[in-house]
């Protein structure tokens, strides 16, 4: 399955990219498994599993860790942000 990934705010800066397209192994079928798969890339990527308030959206809808992902989906990750 191939999905589109988007990274926002400080996560985008830490990873050095705003998005990518990725082909996933069959075992990666929900947001939690996707975060673990990405965290295996190394130190900067581990923020995906260690950040307490990291949000995810699947196809532009807020999604929990148990949300299923399918071929062609867009998955976005973004940390909480504050503003004033």
Protein backbone atom coordinates (compact mmCIF):
# COMPACT_ATOMS: atom_id res chain seq x y z
CA UNK A 1 0.00 0.00 0.00
CA UNK A 2 1.20 3.49 -0.80
CA UNK A 3 0.24 6.52 1.29
CA UNK A 4 1.07 10.21 1.37
CA UNK A 5 2.60 11.54 4.60
CA UNK A 6 2.58 15.16 5.75
CA UNK A 7 4.56 16.63 8.66
CA UNK A 8 3.76 19.98 10.24
CA UNK A 9 5.24 22.65 12.53
CA UNK A 10 8.21 21.68 14.71
CA UNK A 11 7.97 18.08 13.53
CA UNK A 12 8.55 19.22 9.95
CA UNK A 13 11.59 21.18 11.07
CA UNK A 14 13.03 18.30 13.11
CA UNK A 15 12.60 15.82 10.24
CA UNK A 16 13.75 18.20 7.53
CA UNK A 17 10.82 17.51 5.22
CA UNK A 18 7.20 18.50 4.91
CA UNK A 19 5.94 15.32 3.30
CA UNK A 20 6.65 12.20 1.32
CA UNK A 21 5.02 9.28 -0.41
CA UNK A 22 5.73 5.90 1.11
CA UNK A 23 5.03 2.27 0.31
CA UNK A 24 4.26 0.37 3.50
CA UNK A 25 4.64 -3.28 4.44
CA UNK A 26 1.36 -5.18 4.85
CA UNK A 27 1.69 -5.26 8.66
CA UNK A 28 1.40 -1.46 8.86
CA UNK A 29 -2.36 -0.99 8.77
CA UNK A 30 -3.13 1.66 11.40
CA UNK A 31 -1.71 4.94 12.71
CA UNK A 32 0.03 3.30 15.69
CA UNK A 33 1.88 0.81 13.49
CA UNK A 34 2.78 3.61 11.08
CA UNK A 35 4.35 5.67 13.88
CA UNK A 36 6.40 2.66 15.00
CA UNK A 37 7.46 1.97 11.41
CA UNK A 38 8.59 5.57 10.93
CA UNK A 39 10.33 5.74 14.34
CA UNK A 40 12.59 2.89 13.24
CA UNK A 41 14.24 5.38 10.85
CA UNK A 42 16.28 6.88 13.68
CA UNK A 43 16.55 9.52 16.38
CA UNK A 44 14.58 12.43 14.89
CA UNK A 45 11.82 10.05 13.83
CA UNK A 46 11.34 8.70 17.34
CA UNK A 47 9.43 11.88 18.18
CA UNK A 48 6.50 10.20 16.43
CA UNK A 49 6.25 7.62 19.22
CA UNK A 50 7.57 9.68 22.13
CA UNK A 51 5.62 12.93 21.81
CA UNK A 52 2.71 12.93 24.24
CA UNK A 53 0.40 15.25 22.32
CA UNK A 54 1.23 14.39 18.73
CA UNK A 55 -1.91 14.55 16.61
CA UNK A 56 -2.69 12.58 13.49
CA UNK A 57 -5.22 13.02 10.72
CA UNK A 58 -6.20 10.49 8.10
CA UNK A 59 -7.65 12.03 4.96
CA UNK A 60 -7.99 15.38 6.75
CA UNK A 61 -9.98 13.96 9.68
CA UNK A 62 -8.57 13.73 13.19
CA UNK A 63 -7.63 10.13 13.92
CA UNK A 64 -6.61 8.09 16.93
CA UNK A 65 -3.80 5.57 17.01
CA UNK A 66 -6.21 2.78 16.16
CA UNK A 67 -7.43 4.47 12.96
CA UNK A 68 -7.02 2.24 9.92
CA UNK A 69 -4.99 3.38 6.95
CA UNK A 70 -5.55 2.19 3.41
CA UNK A 71 -3.89 2.46 0.04
CA UNK A 72 -3.97 6.03 -1.22
CA UNK A 73 -4.67 7.63 2.16
CA UNK A 74 -3.10 10.89 3.31
CA UNK A 75 -1.76 10.78 6.86
CA UNK A 76 -0.68 14.00 8.56
CA UNK A 77 1.22 14.34 11.82
CA UNK A 78 1.40 17.56 13.77
CA UNK A 79 2.47 18.53 17.27
CA UNK A 80 0.31 20.81 19.38
CA UNK A 81 1.02 24.44 18.65
CA UNK A 82 0.44 27.56 20.65
CA UNK A 83 -0.06 31.04 19.42
CA UNK A 84 -0.91 34.46 20.61
